[in-house]
PDB file of N, CA and C in Angstrom:
ATOM      1  N   MET A   1      11.095  -7.684  -6.094  1.00  0.00           N
ATOM      2  CA  MET A   1       9.704  -8.060  -6.077  1.00  0.00           C
ATOM      3  C   MET A   1       9.189  -8.073  -4.632  1.00  0.00           C
ATOM      4  N   ILE A   2       9.960  -8.628  -3.729  1.00  0.00           N
ATOM      5  CA  ILE A   2       9.552  -8.683  -2.327  1.00  0.00           C
ATOM      6  C   ILE A   2       9.595  -7.293  -1.708  1.00  0.00           C
ATOM      7  N   SER A   3      10.627  -6.525  -2.026  1.00  0.00           N
ATOM      8  CA  SER A   3      10.733  -5.190  -1.435  1.00  0.00           C
ATOM      9  C   SER A   3       9.622  -4.268  -1.927  1.00  0.00           C
ATOM     10  N   THR A   4       9.175  -4.443  -3.160  1.00  0.00           N
ATOM     11  CA  THR A   4       8.065  -3.638  -3.660  1.00  0.00           C
ATOM     12  C   THR A   4       6.794  -3.944  -2.881  1.00  0.00           C
ATOM     13  N   GLY A   5       6.513  -5.211  -2.663  1.00  0.00           N
ATOM     14  CA  GLY A   5       5.337  -5.598  -1.894  1.00  0.00           C
ATOM     15  C   GLY A   5       5.392  -5.102  -0.466  1.00  0.00           C
ATOM     16  N   LEU A   6       6.561  -5.222   0.173  1.00  0.00           N
ATOM     17  CA  LEU A   6       6.700  -4.742   1.546  1.00  0.00           C
ATOM     18  C   LEU A   6       6.583  -3.228   1.627  1.00  0.00           C
ATOM     19  N   SER A   7       7.077  -2.527   0.627  1.00  0.00           N
ATOM     20  CA  SER A   7       6.941  -1.069   0.606  1.00  0.00           C
ATOM     21  C   SER A   7       5.483  -0.669   0.487  1.00  0.00           C
ATOM     22  N   LEU A   8       4.736  -1.361  -0.360  1.00  0.00           N
ATOM     23  CA  LEU A   8       3.312  -1.055  -0.512  1.00  0.00           C
ATOM     24  C   LEU A   8       2.548  -1.343   0.776  1.00  0.00           C
ATOM     25  N   ILE A   9       2.891  -2.428   1.455  1.00  0.00           N
ATOM     26  CA  ILE A   9       2.236  -2.745   2.730  1.00  0.00           C
ATOM     27  C   ILE A   9       2.570  -1.697   3.784  1.00  0.00           C
ATOM     28  N   SER A  10       3.831  -1.268   3.855  1.00  0.00           N
ATOM     29  CA  SER A  10       4.202  -0.263   4.854  1.00  0.00           C
ATOM     30  C   SER A  10       3.543   1.088   4.559  1.00  0.00           C
ATOM     31  N   LEU A  11       3.415   1.434   3.289  1.00  0.00           N
ATOM     32  CA  LEU A  11       2.692   2.661   2.950  1.00  0.00           C
ATOM     33  C   LEU A  11       1.224   2.555   3.335  1.00  0.00           C
ATOM     34  N   SER A  12       0.645   1.388   3.120  1.00  0.00           N
ATOM     35  CA  SER A  12      -0.750   1.167   3.494  1.00  0.00           C
ATOM     36  C   SER A  12      -0.942   1.325   5.001  1.00  0.00           C
ATOM     37  N   LEU A  13      -0.085   0.696   5.773  1.00  0.00           N
ATOM     38  CA  LEU A  13      -0.185   0.814   7.229  1.00  0.00           C
ATOM     39  C   LEU A  13       0.045   2.248   7.698  1.00  0.00           C
ATOM     40  N   GLY A  14       1.024   2.911   7.102  1.00  0.00           N
ATOM     41  CA  GLY A  14       1.328   4.280   7.501  1.00  0.00           C
ATOM     42  C   GLY A  14       0.180   5.233   7.252  1.00  0.00           C
ATOM     43  N   PHE A  15      -0.384   5.193   6.065  1.00  0.00           N
ATOM     44  CA  PHE A  15      -1.501   6.090   5.758  1.00  0.00           C
ATOM     45  C   PHE A  15      -2.732   5.746   6.588  1.00  0.00           C
ATOM     46  N   SER A  16      -2.988   4.467   6.818  1.00  0.00           N
ATOM     47  CA  SER A  16      -4.152   4.080   7.618  1.00  0.00           C
ATOM     48  C   SER A  16      -4.002   4.541   9.062  1.00  0.00           C
ATOM     49  N   ILE A  17      -2.842   4.333   9.640  1.00  0.00           N
ATOM     50  CA  ILE A  17      -2.603   4.778  11.018  1.00  0.00           C
ATOM     51  C   ILE A  17      -2.677   6.298  11.107  1.00  0.00           C
ATOM     52  N   PHE A  18      -2.122   6.970  10.117  1.00  0.00           N
ATOM     53  CA  PHE A  18      -2.169   8.428  10.083  1.00  0.00           C
ATOM     54  C   PHE A  18      -3.616   8.914  10.022  1.00  0.00           C
ATOM     55  N   GLY A  19      -4.437   8.279   9.177  1.00  0.00           N
ATOM     56  CA  GLY A  19      -5.846   8.664   9.075  1.00  0.00           C
ATOM     57  C   GLY A  19      -6.607   8.409  10.360  1.00  0.00           C
ATOM     58  N   ILE A  20      -6.327   7.284  11.004  1.00  0.00           N
ATOM     59  CA  ILE A  20      -6.994   6.978  12.272  1.00  0.00           C
ATOM     60  C   ILE A  20      -6.603   7.985  13.340  1.00  0.00           C
ATOM     61  N   LEU A  21      -5.334   8.339  13.392  1.00  0.00           N
ATOM     62  CA  LEU A  21      -4.889   9.336  14.376  1.00  0.00           C
ATOM     63  C   LEU A  21      -5.516  10.704  14.116  1.00  0.00           C
ATOM     64  N   ILE A  22      -5.691  11.061  12.865  1.00  0.00           N
ATOM     65  CA  ILE A  22      -6.339  12.327  12.537  1.00  0.00           C
ATOM     66  C   ILE A  22      -7.777  12.330  13.051  1.00  0.00           C
ATOM     67  N   ILE A  23      -8.488  11.230  12.808  1.00  0.00           N
ATOM     68  CA  ILE A  23      -9.885  11.163  13.231  1.00  0.00           C
ATOM     69  C   ILE A  23     -10.010  11.130  14.752  1.00  0.00           C
ATOM     70  N   VAL A  24      -9.142  10.368  15.415  1.00  0.00           N
ATOM     71  CA  VAL A  24      -9.212  10.263  16.871  1.00  0.00           C
ATOM     72  C   VAL A  24      -8.902  11.601  17.538  1.00  0.00           C
ATOM     73  N   ASN A  25      -7.964  12.343  17.007  1.00  0.00           N
ATOM     74  CA  ASN A  25      -7.546  13.605  17.615  1.00  0.00           C
ATOM     75  C   ASN A  25      -8.182  14.823  16.955  1.00  0.00           C
ATOM     76  N   GLN A  26      -9.348  14.679  16.380  1.00  0.00           N
ATOM     77  CA  GLN A  26      -9.962  15.801  15.679  1.00  0.00           C
ATOM     78  C   GLN A  26     -10.419  16.900  16.633  1.00  0.00           C
ATOM     79  N   HIS A  27     -10.608  16.592  17.900  1.00  0.00           N
ATOM     80  CA  HIS A  27     -11.055  17.628  18.835  1.00  0.00           C
ATOM     81  C   HIS A  27      -9.955  18.647  19.134  1.00  0.00           C
ATOM     82  N   TYR A  28      -8.708  18.328  18.764  1.00  0.00           N
ATOM     83  CA  TYR A  28      -7.622  19.289  18.933  1.00  0.00           C
ATOM     84  C   TYR A  28      -7.545  20.281  17.781  1.00  0.00           C
ATOM     85  N   ALA A  29      -8.289  20.039  16.727  1.00  0.00           N
ATOM     86  CA  ALA A  29      -8.237  20.912  15.554  1.00  0.00           C
ATOM     87  C   ALA A  29      -8.877  22.256  15.881  1.00  0.00           C
ATOM     88  N   GLU A  30      -8.284  23.297  15.407  1.00  0.00           N
ATOM     89  CA  GLU A  30      -8.788  24.640  15.655  1.00  0.00           C
ATOM     90  C   GLU A  30      -9.560  25.156  14.457  1.00  0.00           C
ATOM     91  N   LEU A  31     -10.183  24.246  13.714  1.00  0.00           N
ATOM     92  CA  LEU A  31     -10.944  24.635  12.540  1.00  0.00           C
ATOM     93  C   LEU A  31     -12.419  24.717  12.922  1.00  0.00           C
ATOM     94  N   ASN A  32     -12.995  25.874  12.812  1.00  0.00           N
ATOM     95  CA  ASN A  32     -14.411  26.048  13.121  1.00  0.00           C
ATOM     96  C   ASN A  32     -15.131  26.377  11.832  1.00  0.00           C
ATOM     97  N   ASP A  33     -15.890  25.422  11.333  1.00  0.00           N
ATOM     98  CA  ASP A  33     -16.648  25.686  10.120  1.00  0.00           C
ATOM     99  C   ASP A  33     -18.081  26.046  10.508  1.00  0.00           C
ATOM    100  N   LEU A  34     -18.968  26.058   9.547  1.00  0.00           N
ATOM    101  CA  LEU A  34     -20.320  26.540   9.779  1.00  0.00           C
ATOM    102  C   LEU A  34     -21.077  25.717  10.818  1.00  0.00           C
ATOM    103  N   SER A  35     -20.883  24.437  10.853  1.00  0.00           N
ATOM    104  CA  SER A  35     -21.629  23.598  11.784  1.00  0.00           C
ATOM    105  C   SER A  35     -20.973  23.510  13.156  1.00  0.00           C
ATOM    106  N   GLY A  36     -19.807  24.088  13.328  1.00  0.00           N
ATOM    107  CA  GLY A  36     -19.128  24.053  14.612  1.00  0.00           C
ATOM    108  C   GLY A  36     -18.296  22.808  14.833  1.00  0.00           C
ATOM    109  N   HIS A  37     -18.303  21.884  13.895  1.00  0.00           N
ATOM    110  CA  HIS A  37     -17.499  20.679  14.001  1.00  0.00           C
ATOM    111  C   HIS A  37     -16.284  20.797  13.088  1.00  0.00           C
ATOM    112  N   SER A  38     -15.356  19.962  13.299  1.00  0.00           N
ATOM    113  CA  SER A  38     -14.162  19.992  12.451  1.00  0.00           C
ATOM    114  C   SER A  38     -14.326  18.976  11.324  1.00  0.00           C
ATOM    115  N   SER A  39     -15.209  19.277  10.398  1.00  0.00           N
ATOM    116  CA  SER A  39     -15.488  18.341   9.301  1.00  0.00           C
ATOM    117  C   SER A  39     -14.326  18.259   8.313  1.00  0.00           C
ATOM    118  N   LEU A  40     -13.559  19.328   8.200  1.00  0.00           N
ATOM    119  CA  LEU A  40     -12.393  19.282   7.321  1.00  0.00           C
ATOM    120  C   LEU A  40     -11.377  18.257   7.814  1.00  0.00           C
ATOM    121  N   VAL A  41     -11.242  18.158   9.115  1.00  0.00           N
ATOM    122  CA  VAL A  41     -10.333  17.174   9.686  1.00  0.00           C
ATOM    123  C   VAL A  41     -10.840  15.763   9.402  1.00  0.00           C
ATOM    124  N   MET A  42     -12.150  15.583   9.494  1.00  0.00           N
ATOM    125  CA  MET A  42     -12.744  14.276   9.221  1.00  0.00           C
ATOM    126  C   MET A  42     -12.526  13.883   7.768  1.00  0.00           C
ATOM    127  N   VAL A  43     -12.672  14.822   6.855  1.00  0.00           N
ATOM    128  CA  VAL A  43     -12.446  14.543   5.436  1.00  0.00           C
ATOM    129  C   VAL A  43     -10.989  14.148   5.205  1.00  0.00           C
ATOM    130  N   GLY A  44     -10.070  14.837   5.850  1.00  0.00           N
ATOM    131  CA  GLY A  44      -8.651  14.500   5.721  1.00  0.00           C
ATOM    132  C   GLY A  44      -8.332  13.119   6.275  1.00  0.00           C
ATOM    133  N   GLY A  45      -8.920  12.768   7.403  1.00  0.00           N
ATOM    134  CA  GLY A  45      -8.689  11.461   7.997  1.00  0.00           C
ATOM    135  C   GLY A  45      -9.242  10.332   7.143  1.00  0.00           C
ATOM    136  N   VAL A  46     -10.458  10.526   6.641  1.00  0.00           N
ATOM    137  CA  VAL A  46     -11.057   9.511   5.777  1.00  0.00           C
ATOM    138  C   VAL A  46     -10.271   9.403   4.476  1.00  0.00           C
ATOM    139  N   GLY A  47      -9.805  10.534   3.963  1.00  0.00           N
ATOM    140  CA  GLY A  47      -8.983  10.517   2.742  1.00  0.00           C
ATOM    141  C   GLY A  47      -7.693   9.736   2.944  1.00  0.00           C
ATOM    142  N   ALA A  48      -7.054   9.910   4.087  1.00  0.00           N
ATOM    143  CA  ALA A  48      -5.819   9.176   4.375  1.00  0.00           C
ATOM    144  C   ALA A  48      -6.093   7.676   4.490  1.00  0.00           C
ATOM    145  N   ILE A  49      -7.219   7.309   5.096  1.00  0.00           N
ATOM    146  CA  ILE A  49      -7.566   5.892   5.199  1.00  0.00           C
ATOM    147  C   ILE A  49      -7.852   5.315   3.812  1.00  0.00           C
ATOM    148  N   LEU A  50      -8.501   6.078   2.947  1.00  0.00           N
ATOM    149  CA  LEU A  50      -8.766   5.613   1.585  1.00  0.00           C
ATOM    150  C   LEU A  50      -7.474   5.422   0.796  1.00  0.00           C
ATOM    151  N   VAL A  51      -6.517   6.319   0.985  1.00  0.00           N
ATOM    152  CA  VAL A  51      -5.215   6.163   0.320  1.00  0.00           C
ATOM    153  C   VAL A  51      -4.514   4.909   0.833  1.00  0.00           C
ATOM    154  N   GLY A  52      -4.596   4.668   2.148  1.00  0.00           N
ATOM    155  CA  GLY A  52      -4.025   3.443   2.708  1.00  0.00           C
ATOM    156  C   GLY A  52      -4.676   2.202   2.138  1.00  0.00           C
ATOM    157  N   THR A  53      -5.994   2.256   1.948  1.00  0.00           N
ATOM    158  CA  THR A  53      -6.708   1.128   1.350  1.00  0.00           C
ATOM    159  C   THR A  53      -6.275   0.915  -0.093  1.00  0.00           C
ATOM    160  N   ALA A  54      -6.073   2.002  -0.818  1.00  0.00           N
ATOM    161  CA  ALA A  54      -5.610   1.884  -2.211  1.00  0.00           C
ATOM    162  C   ALA A  54      -4.237   1.227  -2.276  1.00  0.00           C
ATOM    163  N   PHE A  55      -3.341   1.578  -1.359  1.00  0.00           N
ATOM    164  CA  PHE A  55      -2.019   0.939  -1.326  1.00  0.00           C
ATOM    165  C   PHE A  55      -2.135  -0.543  -0.963  1.00  0.00           C
ATOM    166  N   LEU A  56      -3.064  -0.892  -0.075  1.00  0.00           N
ATOM    167  CA  LEU A  56      -3.253  -2.294   0.283  1.00  0.00           C
ATOM    168  C   LEU A  56      -3.775  -3.101  -0.903  1.00  0.00           C
ATOM    169  N   VAL A  57      -4.723  -2.550  -1.642  1.00  0.00           N
ATOM    170  CA  VAL A  57      -5.245  -3.227  -2.831  1.00  0.00           C
ATOM    171  C   VAL A  57      -4.138  -3.380  -3.874  1.00  0.00           C
ATOM    172  N   THR A  58      -3.319  -2.351  -4.025  1.00  0.00           N
ATOM    173  CA  THR A  58      -2.204  -2.413  -4.967  1.00  0.00           C
ATOM    174  C   THR A  58      -1.205  -3.501  -4.563  1.00  0.00           C
ATOM    175  N   ALA A  59      -0.935  -3.619  -3.268  1.00  0.00           N
ATOM    176  CA  ALA A  59      -0.017  -4.666  -2.799  1.00  0.00           C
ATOM    177  C   ALA A  59      -0.586  -6.048  -3.069  1.00  0.00           C
ATOM    178  N   CYS A  60      -1.880  -6.221  -2.837  1.00  0.00           N
ATOM    179  CA  CYS A  60      -2.510  -7.524  -3.103  1.00  0.00           C
ATOM    180  C   CYS A  60      -2.455  -7.860  -4.591  1.00  0.00           C
ATOM    181  N   LEU A  61      -2.732  -6.892  -5.437  1.00  0.00           N
ATOM    182  CA  LEU A  61      -2.649  -7.125  -6.882  1.00  0.00           C
ATOM    183  C   LEU A  61      -1.224  -7.419  -7.321  1.00  0.00           C
ATOM    184  N   HIS A  62      -0.276  -6.712  -6.733  1.00  0.00           N
ATOM    185  CA  HIS A  62       1.138  -6.931  -7.061  1.00  0.00           C
ATOM    186  C   HIS A  62       1.536  -8.368  -6.750  1.00  0.00           C
ATOM    187  N   TRP A  63       1.204  -8.839  -5.542  1.00  0.00           N
ATOM    188  CA  TRP A  63       1.572 -10.191  -5.166  1.00  0.00           C
ATOM    189  C   TRP A  63       0.811 -11.224  -5.971  1.00  0.00           C
ATOM    190  N   ARG A  64      -0.427 -10.931  -6.304  1.00  0.00           N
ATOM    191  CA  ARG A  64      -1.208 -11.883  -7.094  1.00  0.00           C
ATOM    192  C   ARG A  64      -0.606 -12.051  -8.485  1.00  0.00           C
ATOM    193  N   PHE A  65      -0.257 -10.931  -9.125  1.00  0.00           N
ATOM    194  CA  PHE A  65       0.295 -11.028 -10.471  1.00  0.00           C
ATOM    195  C   PHE A  65       1.723 -11.554 -10.461  1.00  0.00           C
ATOM    196  N   CYS A  66       2.479 -11.301  -9.406  1.00  0.00           N
ATOM    197  CA  CYS A  66       3.819 -11.888  -9.313  1.00  0.00           C
ATOM    198  C   CYS A  66       3.723 -13.392  -9.119  1.00  0.00           C
ATOM    199  N   ALA A  67       2.774 -13.842  -8.308  1.00  0.00           N
ATOM    200  CA  ALA A  67       2.582 -15.281  -8.117  1.00  0.00           C
ATOM    201  C   ALA A  67       2.066 -15.917  -9.395  1.00  0.00           C
ATOM    202  N   LEU A  68       1.203 -15.234 -10.108  1.00  0.00           N
ATOM    203  CA  LEU A  68       0.685 -15.748 -11.364  1.00  0.00           C
ATOM    204  C   LEU A  68       1.797 -15.855 -12.400  1.00  0.00           C
ATOM    205  N   GLY A  69       2.690 -14.865 -12.434  1.00  0.00           N
ATOM    206  CA  GLY A  69       3.821 -14.909 -13.356  1.00  0.00           C
ATOM    207  C   GLY A  69       4.778 -16.040 -13.033  1.00  0.00           C
ATOM    208  N   ALA A  70       4.911 -16.370 -11.752  1.00  0.00           N
ATOM    209  CA  ALA A  70       5.808 -17.458 -11.354  1.00  0.00           C
ATOM    210  C   ALA A  70       5.225 -18.817 -11.731  1.00  0.00           C
ATOM    211  N   THR A  71       3.904 -18.956 -11.695  1.00  0.00           N
ATOM    212  CA  THR A  71       3.305 -20.242 -12.050  1.00  0.00           C
ATOM    213  C   THR A  71       3.211 -20.430 -13.549  1.00  0.00           C
ATOM    214  N   ILE A  72       2.983 -19.360 -14.290  1.00  0.00           N
ATOM    215  CA  ILE A  72       2.879 -19.464 -15.745  1.00  0.00           C
ATOM    216  C   ILE A  72       4.250 -19.669 -16.360  1.00  0.00           C
ATOM    217  N   GLY A  73       5.208 -19.007 -15.831  1.00  0.00           N
ATOM    218  CA  GLY A  73       6.562 -19.128 -16.362  1.00  0.00           C
ATOM    219  C   GLY A  73       7.157 -17.749 -16.560  1.00  0.00           C
ATOM    220  N   ASP A  74       8.240 -17.519 -15.889  1.00  0.00           N
ATOM    221  CA  ASP A  74       8.918 -16.242 -15.977  1.00  0.00           C
ATOM    222  C   ASP A  74       9.892 -16.308 -17.149  1.00  0.00           C
ATOM    223  N   PRO A  75       9.870 -15.334 -18.053  1.00  0.00           N
ATOM    224  CA  PRO A  75      10.757 -15.401 -19.212  1.00  0.00           C
ATOM    225  C   PRO A  75      12.235 -15.255 -18.854  1.00  0.00           C
ATOM    226  N   ARG A  76      12.525 -14.773 -17.657  1.00  0.00           N
ATOM    227  CA  ARG A  76      13.924 -14.632 -17.256  1.00  0.00           C
ATOM    228  C   ARG A  76      14.483 -15.985 -16.849  1.00  0.00           C
ATOM    229  N   PRO A  77      15.674 -16.339 -17.284  1.00  0.00           N
ATOM    230  CA  PRO A  77      16.248 -17.644 -16.897  1.00  0.00           C
ATOM    231  C   PRO A  77      16.638 -17.653 -15.427  1.00  0.00           C
ATOM    232  N   ARG A  78      16.522 -18.812 -14.822  1.00  0.00           N
ATOM    233  CA  ARG A  78      16.893 -18.977 -13.425  1.00  0.00           C
ATOM    234  C   ARG A  78      18.376 -19.361 -13.335  1.00  0.00           C
ATOM    235  N   LYS A  79      18.916 -19.415 -12.110  1.00  0.00           N
ATOM    236  CA  LYS A  79      20.333 -19.727 -11.923  1.00  0.00           C
ATOM    237  C   LYS A  79      20.684 -21.104 -12.482  1.00  0.00           C
ATOM    238  N   SER A  80      19.767 -22.068 -12.304  1.00  0.00           N
ATOM    239  CA  SER A  80      20.061 -23.406 -12.816  1.00  0.00           C
ATOM    240  C   SER A  80      20.117 -23.408 -14.337  1.00  0.00           C
ATOM    241  N   GLU A  81      19.334 -22.574 -14.975  1.00  0.00           N
ATOM    242  CA  GLU A  81      19.373 -22.470 -16.432  1.00  0.00           C
ATOM    243  C   GLU A  81      20.670 -21.812 -16.896  1.00  0.00           C
ATOM    244  N   TYR A  82      21.186 -20.872 -16.105  1.00  0.00           N
ATOM    245  CA  TYR A  82      22.484 -20.284 -16.416  1.00  0.00           C
ATOM    246  C   TYR A  82      23.575 -21.354 -16.382  1.00  0.00           C
ATOM    247  N   ALA A  83      23.497 -22.213 -15.358  1.00  0.00           N
ATOM    248  CA  ALA A  83      24.510 -23.264 -15.213  1.00  0.00           C
ATOM    249  C   ALA A  83      24.430 -24.246 -16.384  1.00  0.00           C
ATOM    250  N   GLN A  84      23.219 -24.581 -16.813  1.00  0.00           N
ATOM    251  CA  GLN A  84      23.061 -25.499 -17.944  1.00  0.00           C
ATOM    252  C   GLN A  84      23.594 -24.869 -19.231  1.00  0.00           C
ATOM    253  N   GLN A  85      23.352 -23.575 -19.426  1.00  0.00           N
ATOM    254  CA  GLN A  85      23.828 -22.908 -20.626  1.00  0.00           C
ATOM    255  C   GLN A  85      25.346 -22.780 -20.608  1.00  0.00           C
ATOM    256  N   ALA A  86      25.925 -22.593 -19.430  1.00  0.00           N
ATOM    257  CA  ALA A  86      27.374 -22.453 -19.336  1.00  0.00           C
ATOM    258  C   ALA A  86      28.079 -23.777 -19.593  1.00  0.00           C
ATOM    259  N   SER A  87      27.424 -24.889 -19.220  1.00  0.00           N
ATOM    260  CA  SER A  87      28.064 -26.188 -19.420  1.00  0.00           C
ATOM    261  C   SER A  87      28.003 -26.640 -20.887  1.00  0.00           C
ATOM    262  N   LEU A  88      27.099 -26.063 -21.670  1.00  0.00           N
ATOM    263  CA  LEU A  88      26.983 -26.441 -23.082  1.00  0.00           C
ATOM    264  C   LEU A  88      28.059 -25.778 -23.826  1.00  0.00           C
TER     265      LEU A  88
END
């Protein structure tokens, strides 16, 4: 459960940083479209940032529902419940 959340956060950071680097370094792109700007690079950078945002939202939802499941009651028995069942 913890590793899933951390993986989603690291994916979010990775895609966001990647998108920011694409946008910052767009002047190195050798793409010349009709307007003379590298708009394709801008679309790619914004797309990467949006994917990073989607992973961040997914991580927040994951942790929210995991916390909600812990407060409502997890159907899986805990270690102390195993010990009680073994002593019976």
